[in-house]
């Protein structure tokens, strides 16, 4: 009964949407799940006879199968797409998915540090020790530039353009990007270079590496992880913090401050703008509150 509709839908996906074979298969599987449900419940109606309550029961059924919210949302988007096709082709008069609510997706974002918390954490560093000056420069740079851990431990002296306020970062897939660096980070890098690094016997092969351990070699990711863990504990910040949190906080603070997403994408070295867009979710609630407070139509 549904086969002609599925065939028409498949052709529409190929011609109108120009999707890959894998994507088309995934969309068709979503429709198969719906027809499978209709068969098991003996309610196999034609697409134009399906109502909102049928789709709500279907969602309830797939949730009962143990699919998580992300998978449920994916299947739902497939059903919506099918009904979009049915509307365009005038197979249905009313689209039953219009009022269908998506399952609530958990916000898969890590803990974010406020600016004050970052200051407090960095403030725990003991600057009377040589590694203290180095660690201060590392954390200031990580937060100022939103660097990945691998990027900060591989930062090279030849990639510093501190006089013009930029550093060159080698990111994932050896992609290079120029990132602005703040005056505080510049200050502590200079102090580290001039007062601390000059006294370290550099291991051959590490001459161009900016941040060195006591033995004159580059730091490991684990060292940065342990350093941050220790400082967070001392600062009494009760959040699940990793070195990546500094990068997330950098991006979130920029987006909350109204920065252009493309600019943030460029600074983070994200291949795709959708990766950067996760930071806008944090901001939605704030935007809604602002509208309610200031927009005349919301009063």
Protein backbone atom coordinates (compact mmCIF):
# COMPACT_ATOMS: atom_id res chain seq x y z
CA UNK A 1 0.00 0.00 0.00
CA UNK A 2 2.84 2.36 0.86
CA UNK A 3 5.23 1.10 -1.83
CA UNK A 4 4.25 3.58 -4.57
CA UNK A 5 4.60 6.47 -2.07
CA UNK A 6 8.04 5.21 -0.98
CA UNK A 7 9.15 4.93 -4.63
CA UNK A 8 7.94 8.46 -5.38
CA UNK A 9 9.62 9.76 -2.21
CA UNK A 10 12.90 8.07 -3.13
CA UNK A 11 12.84 9.67 -6.59
CA UNK A 12 12.09 13.06 -5.01
CA UNK A 13 15.04 12.72 -2.62
CA UNK A 14 17.34 11.83 -5.51
CA UNK A 15 16.17 14.54 -7.90
CA UNK A 16 15.05 17.42 -5.70
CA UNK A 17 17.34 17.04 -2.71
CA UNK A 18 20.39 15.54 -4.49
CA UNK A 19 21.19 13.47 -1.41
CA UNK A 20 23.81 10.74 -1.17
CA UNK A 21 22.70 7.10 -1.41
CA UNK A 22 23.40 6.62 2.31
CA UNK A 23 21.21 9.57 3.29
CA UNK A 24 18.39 8.38 1.02
CA UNK A 25 18.59 4.89 2.56
CA UNK A 26 18.40 6.43 6.04
CA UNK A 27 15.31 8.49 5.12
CA UNK A 28 13.60 5.43 3.61
CA UNK A 29 14.38 3.39 6.74
CA UNK A 30 12.53 6.02 8.79
CA UNK A 31 9.43 5.51 6.65
CA UNK A 32 9.87 1.72 6.95
CA UNK A 33 9.82 2.10 10.72
CA UNK A 34 6.56 4.02 10.52
CA UNK A 35 4.91 1.43 8.26
CA UNK A 36 6.26 -1.37 10.46
CA UNK A 37 4.62 0.31 13.47
CA UNK A 38 1.34 0.73 11.58
CA UNK A 39 1.40 -2.98 10.68
CA UNK A 40 2.14 -4.15 14.22
CA UNK A 41 -0.74 -2.05 15.54
CA UNK A 42 -3.12 -3.01 12.71
CA UNK A 43 -3.60 0.62 11.75
CA UNK A 44 -2.04 0.58 8.28
CA UNK A 45 -3.61 3.73 6.85
CA UNK A 46 -2.61 5.58 3.71
CA UNK A 47 -0.35 8.65 4.21
CA UNK A 48 -3.28 11.06 3.84
CA UNK A 49 -5.29 9.25 6.55
CA UNK A 50 -2.55 9.51 9.18
CA UNK A 51 -3.29 11.97 11.97
CA UNK A 52 -1.17 13.74 14.56
CA UNK A 53 -2.21 11.24 17.27
CA UNK A 54 -0.95 8.31 15.10
CA UNK A 55 2.46 9.94 14.84
CA UNK A 56 2.52 10.71 18.57
CA UNK A 57 1.81 7.02 19.30
CA UNK A 58 4.55 6.07 16.82
CA UNK A 59 7.09 8.29 18.65
CA UNK A 60 6.00 6.71 21.94
CA UNK A 61 6.56 3.29 20.36
CA UNK A 62 10.10 4.03 19.11
CA UNK A 63 10.99 5.50 22.52
CA UNK A 64 9.80 2.20 24.01
CA UNK A 65 12.22 0.35 21.74
CA UNK A 66 14.99 2.03 23.71
CA UNK A 67 16.14 4.52 21.06
CA UNK A 68 17.74 7.60 22.58
CA UNK A 69 16.46 11.14 22.00
CA UNK A 70 18.99 11.81 19.23
CA UNK A 71 17.89 8.73 17.23
CA UNK A 72 14.23 9.59 17.82
CA UNK A 73 14.80 13.15 16.56
CA UNK A 74 16.55 11.75 13.47
CA UNK A 75 13.63 9.43 12.65
CA UNK A 76 11.20 12.29 13.22
CA UNK A 77 13.10 14.49 10.75
CA UNK A 78 12.75 11.67 8.20
CA UNK A 79 8.97 11.55 8.74
CA UNK A 80 8.75 15.34 8.42
CA UNK A 81 10.69 15.17 5.16
CA UNK A 82 8.33 12.50 3.80
CA UNK A 83 5.29 14.64 4.60
CA UNK A 84 6.95 17.65 3.01
CA UNK A 85 7.17 15.56 -0.17
CA UNK A 86 3.51 14.47 0.24
CA UNK A 87 2.43 18.12 0.60
CA UNK A 88 4.37 19.27 -2.46
CA UNK A 89 2.98 16.40 -4.52
CA UNK A 90 -0.51 17.07 -3.10
CA UNK A 91 -0.78 13.52 -1.76
CA UNK A 92 -1.98 15.03 1.54
CA UNK A 93 -4.05 18.16 2.23
CA UNK A 94 -2.80 18.64 5.79
CA UNK A 95 0.65 17.84 7.10
CA UNK A 96 0.18 15.84 10.36
CA UNK A 97 3.78 16.55 11.46
CA UNK A 98 3.21 20.31 11.84
CA UNK A 99 2.27 20.12 15.53
CA UNK A 100 4.44 17.13 16.33
CA UNK A 101 6.95 17.94 19.06
CA UNK A 102 10.50 16.69 18.88
CA UNK A 103 11.85 14.64 21.79
CA UNK A 104 13.85 16.85 24.12
CA UNK A 105 17.53 16.60 23.33
CA UNK A 106 19.87 16.91 26.27
CA UNK A 107 22.30 19.77 25.90
CA UNK A 108 25.51 17.95 25.14
CA UNK A 109 27.64 20.90 26.14
CA UNK A 110 30.34 20.69 28.78
CA UNK A 111 30.51 22.87 31.84
CA UNK A 112 31.37 26.46 31.04
CA UNK A 113 33.51 28.67 33.26
CA UNK A 114 32.56 32.28 33.87
CA UNK A 115 35.23 34.92 33.36
CA UNK A 116 35.54 35.29 37.17
CA UNK A 117 36.03 31.55 37.61
CA UNK A 118 38.78 31.52 34.99
CA UNK A 119 40.49 34.42 36.79
CA UNK A 120 40.20 32.56 40.11
CA UNK A 121 41.64 29.34 38.63
CA UNK A 122 44.58 31.15 36.98
CA UNK A 123 45.03 33.06 40.27
CA UNK A 124 45.91 29.80 42.08
CA UNK A 125 49.22 29.51 40.20
CA UNK A 126 52.28 29.94 42.42
CA UNK A 127 54.34 32.52 40.52
CA UNK A 128 57.34 32.16 42.86
CA UNK A 129 58.26 28.94 41.04
CA UNK A 130 59.63 28.92 37.46
CA UNK A 131 56.92 26.48 36.28
CA UNK A 132 54.36 28.92 37.75
CA UNK A 133 55.35 31.62 35.24
CA UNK A 134 55.19 29.07 32.43
CA UNK A 135 51.78 27.72 33.56
CA UNK A 136 50.36 31.23 33.81
CA UNK A 137 51.46 31.93 30.22
CA UNK A 138 49.93 28.60 29.06
CA UNK A 139 46.50 29.18 30.62
CA UNK A 140 46.33 32.83 29.61
CA UNK A 141 47.11 31.76 26.01
CA UNK A 142 44.56 28.92 26.06
CA UNK A 143 41.77 31.19 27.21
CA UNK A 144 42.84 34.22 25.15
CA UNK A 145 43.02 32.23 21.89
CA UNK A 146 40.62 29.31 22.47
CA UNK A 147 43.33 26.77 21.69
CA UNK A 148 43.07 22.99 21.76
CA UNK A 149 45.52 21.31 24.16
CA UNK A 150 47.51 19.86 21.26
CA UNK A 151 47.79 23.34 19.76
CA UNK A 152 49.17 24.94 22.91
CA UNK A 153 51.80 22.25 23.58
CA UNK A 154 52.97 22.44 19.96
CA UNK A 155 53.04 26.24 19.79
CA UNK A 156 56.28 27.39 18.16
CA UNK A 157 58.43 30.45 18.77
CA UNK A 158 58.50 31.01 15.01
CA UNK A 159 54.69 31.23 15.04
CA UNK A 160 54.52 34.14 17.50
CA UNK A 161 53.85 37.60 16.07
CA UNK A 162 53.37 39.24 19.45
CA UNK A 163 54.31 42.73 18.28
CA UNK A 164 51.24 42.71 16.00
CA UNK A 165 49.08 40.67 18.40
CA UNK A 166 48.75 37.38 16.48
CA UNK A 167 49.89 33.79 16.75
CA UNK A 168 49.94 31.18 14.01
CA UNK A 169 48.31 27.95 15.13
CA UNK A 170 48.66 24.54 13.52
CA UNK A 171 45.35 22.79 14.12
CA UNK A 172 43.70 19.52 13.13
CA UNK A 173 44.83 18.07 9.83
CA UNK A 174 47.84 20.44 9.87
CA UNK A 175 45.59 23.35 8.96
CA UNK A 176 47.09 26.70 9.88
CA UNK A 177 45.19 29.71 11.13
CA UNK A 178 46.10 33.13 12.47
CA UNK A 179 44.52 33.90 15.84
CA UNK A 180 44.53 37.25 17.65
CA UNK A 181 46.13 37.08 21.11
CA UNK A 182 45.21 39.34 24.05
CA UNK A 183 47.59 41.71 25.83
CA UNK A 184 47.52 39.71 29.10
CA UNK A 185 48.63 36.50 27.33
CA UNK A 186 51.31 38.44 25.40
CA UNK A 187 52.65 39.89 28.66
CA UNK A 188 53.00 36.47 30.33
CA UNK A 189 54.50 34.79 27.26
CA UNK A 190 57.14 37.53 27.17
CA UNK A 191 57.90 37.17 30.90
CA UNK A 192 58.19 33.38 30.44
CA UNK A 193 60.46 33.74 27.40
CA UNK A 194 62.75 36.36 28.91
CA UNK A 195 62.95 35.24 32.56
CA UNK A 196 62.29 31.51 32.61
CA UNK A 197 62.76 29.74 29.28
CA UNK A 198 66.24 31.23 28.76
CA UNK A 199 67.44 29.22 31.81
CA UNK A 200 66.21 25.86 30.47
CA UNK A 201 68.65 23.53 28.70
CA UNK A 202 66.67 22.76 25.53
CA UNK A 203 66.61 19.15 24.31
CA UNK A 204 67.66 18.82 20.65
CA UNK A 205 64.64 19.03 18.38
CA UNK A 206 62.71 21.27 20.78
CA UNK A 207 64.47 24.57 20.03
CA UNK A 208 61.41 26.09 18.38
CA UNK A 209 58.84 24.82 20.93
CA UNK A 210 57.58 27.65 23.16
CA UNK A 211 56.51 25.81 26.32
CA UNK A 212 59.09 23.39 27.74
CA UNK A 213 59.24 21.11 30.77
CA UNK A 214 62.13 21.11 33.23
CA UNK A 215 64.06 18.70 31.01
CA UNK A 216 63.81 21.04 28.04
CA UNK A 217 61.26 18.99 26.08
CA UNK A 218 57.70 19.80 25.02
CA UNK A 219 54.91 19.21 27.50
CA UNK A 220 52.42 16.38 27.25
CA UNK A 221 48.63 16.67 27.09
CA UNK A 222 48.44 14.82 30.43
CA UNK A 223 50.61 17.45 32.13
CA UNK A 224 48.21 20.22 31.08
CA UNK A 225 45.26 18.09 32.20
CA UNK A 226 46.78 17.48 35.66
CA UNK A 227 47.79 21.13 36.02
CA UNK A 228 44.23 22.33 35.36
CA UNK A 229 42.70 19.64 37.60
CA UNK A 230 44.94 20.75 40.47
CA UNK A 231 44.19 24.48 40.01
CA UNK A 232 40.42 23.90 39.76
CA UNK A 233 40.52 21.96 43.02
CA UNK A 234 42.51 24.73 44.74
CA UNK A 235 40.10 27.36 43.41
CA UNK A 236 37.16 25.40 44.86
CA UNK A 237 35.33 25.41 41.53
CA UNK A 238 32.93 22.51 41.64
CA UNK A 239 32.56 21.74 37.93
CA UNK A 240 33.77 19.00 35.63
CA UNK A 241 36.67 20.86 34.04
CA UNK A 242 39.17 19.74 31.41
CA UNK A 243 41.64 21.74 29.30
CA UNK A 244 38.95 21.83 26.59
CA UNK A 245 36.71 23.80 28.97
CA UNK A 246 38.91 26.86 28.43
CA UNK A 247 38.24 26.58 24.68
CA UNK A 248 34.50 26.14 25.22
CA UNK A 249 34.42 29.08 27.61
CA UNK A 250 36.37 31.26 25.16
CA UNK A 251 33.83 30.51 22.40
CA UNK A 252 30.80 30.90 24.64
CA UNK A 253 31.95 34.24 26.03
CA UNK A 254 32.50 35.51 22.49
CA UNK A 255 29.08 34.39 21.27
CA UNK A 256 27.37 35.78 24.37
CA UNK A 257 29.15 39.05 23.75
CA UNK A 258 27.59 39.20 20.29
CA UNK A 259 30.55 38.05 18.18
CA UNK A 260 29.88 37.03 14.60
CA UNK A 261 29.70 33.23 14.31
CA UNK A 262 31.91 33.19 11.22
CA UNK A 263 34.62 35.05 13.13
CA UNK A 264 34.38 32.60 16.03
CA UNK A 265 34.53 29.69 13.55
CA UNK A 266 37.69 31.18 12.05
CA UNK A 267 39.35 31.62 15.45
CA UNK A 268 38.48 28.13 16.66
CA UNK A 269 39.59 26.58 13.38
CA UNK A 270 36.27 24.76 12.90
CA UNK A 271 35.89 23.17 9.50
CA UNK A 272 32.13 23.66 9.58
CA UNK A 273 29.98 26.47 10.95
CA UNK A 274 27.63 23.87 12.46
CA UNK A 275 30.36 22.91 14.94
CA UNK A 276 30.50 26.52 16.07
CA UNK A 277 26.73 26.76 16.26
CA UNK A 278 26.57 24.59 19.40
CA UNK A 279 27.70 27.68 21.29
CA UNK A 280 24.59 29.57 20.26
CA UNK A 281 22.38 27.14 22.21
CA UNK A 282 23.72 28.58 25.43
CA UNK A 283 22.61 31.96 24.31
CA UNK A 284 19.03 31.14 23.30
CA UNK A 285 17.58 31.45 26.79
CA UNK A 286 19.26 34.81 27.25
CA UNK A 287 17.87 36.00 23.90
CA UNK A 288 14.37 34.90 24.83
CA UNK A 289 14.55 36.77 28.13
CA UNK A 290 15.81 39.89 26.37
CA UNK A 291 12.93 39.79 23.90
CA UNK A 292 10.38 39.35 26.68
CA UNK A 293 11.87 42.25 28.53
CA UNK A 294 12.38 44.75 25.75
CA UNK A 295 10.33 43.86 22.69
CA UNK A 296 6.96 45.63 22.52
CA UNK A 297 5.25 42.67 20.86
CA UNK A 298 6.13 40.44 23.84
CA UNK A 299 4.49 42.67 26.45
